[in-house]
């Protein structure tokens, strides 16, 4: 079997919904278009670590080519994050091939990405003070979005902003997600008191339509995107840009920091794969580093309270008895 044949099979059987979200499938198609141009006629067993490494290095030097009216035009060099995404898709495709016994081993395991990709797939740890600062500069509906995500872990675009009002049961403190990215995502999500308050606030400003977050452009539709208002809010709050999706990561990190077992955090995130929890370890590590900054290296040299009082040179306050 050639790589081109396997890529077609992969897209059809392991990439399309409901196996993956539509957005993920489209991203896979874009990546595989470039991978297929390089490996399409190569037998699957002949894809080696050296050939993958050569592909990555050539792509990192390649320009972005766009189609114009008068032909094609070369723009800037391809971003390293784009090439890294292609590498991740290739690695996953070949992992599936190994499980299907089409390959003995994945050649990507012997490849190290040739450049450092700064900040890629590392969730931003949102502290409570930072969250409050963001909320103070956000419009009311975005303030509710931020509070709901950090208190429930709902997916922003697949679950929250398209949510209908009849999915919210404030009396029983749950919301129902009938459609989600994964099968485990279809569930009742429990609400904290802060989440209930945010849902109530959003209900009050959502109007008479069926959606919790109605669209300004279409009264019968729901909100589509938050990137523009999110970027402007972070700029007003003077906070460096990070993805709004990292608020969901903050929810997971706060659960873990509160002592909730990793297995339970995975269930509360409604993920099917426990390995997905590993991406939150970077945030936990940052929290530990912040705790280390409070380390008192002279704690064992501090005098006991009683001893300090005995040798204190401060004048004593006395009271004259009448």
Foldseek 3Di string as FASTA:
>chain_A
DFPQVLLVVCLVPQQDPPNFDPVRSVLLVVLVVLVCVQGVRPRPQPDALVSLQVSLVVLQAAFDWDADPVGIDTDHRDDNLSSVSSLVSLQVSVVVCCVVVVYVDRNSVVYDRPDDDPPPLAFDAQDPVNLVLLLVLAPLLVNLVLQQCLFQLDQDQFFAQQDFPVQDDLVQQWGAGCTDRHPLVGDITGGDPSNSVSQVSLCVPLPDEGTSACDPVDRNGTDHDDVVSSVVSCVVSVHPDDDSSSSSLNNLLVCVVVPNDLVVSCSSNSHPDSVVNVSSVSNVVVVVVVVVVPDDPCVVVDDDPVVCVVPDPDDDDDDDDD
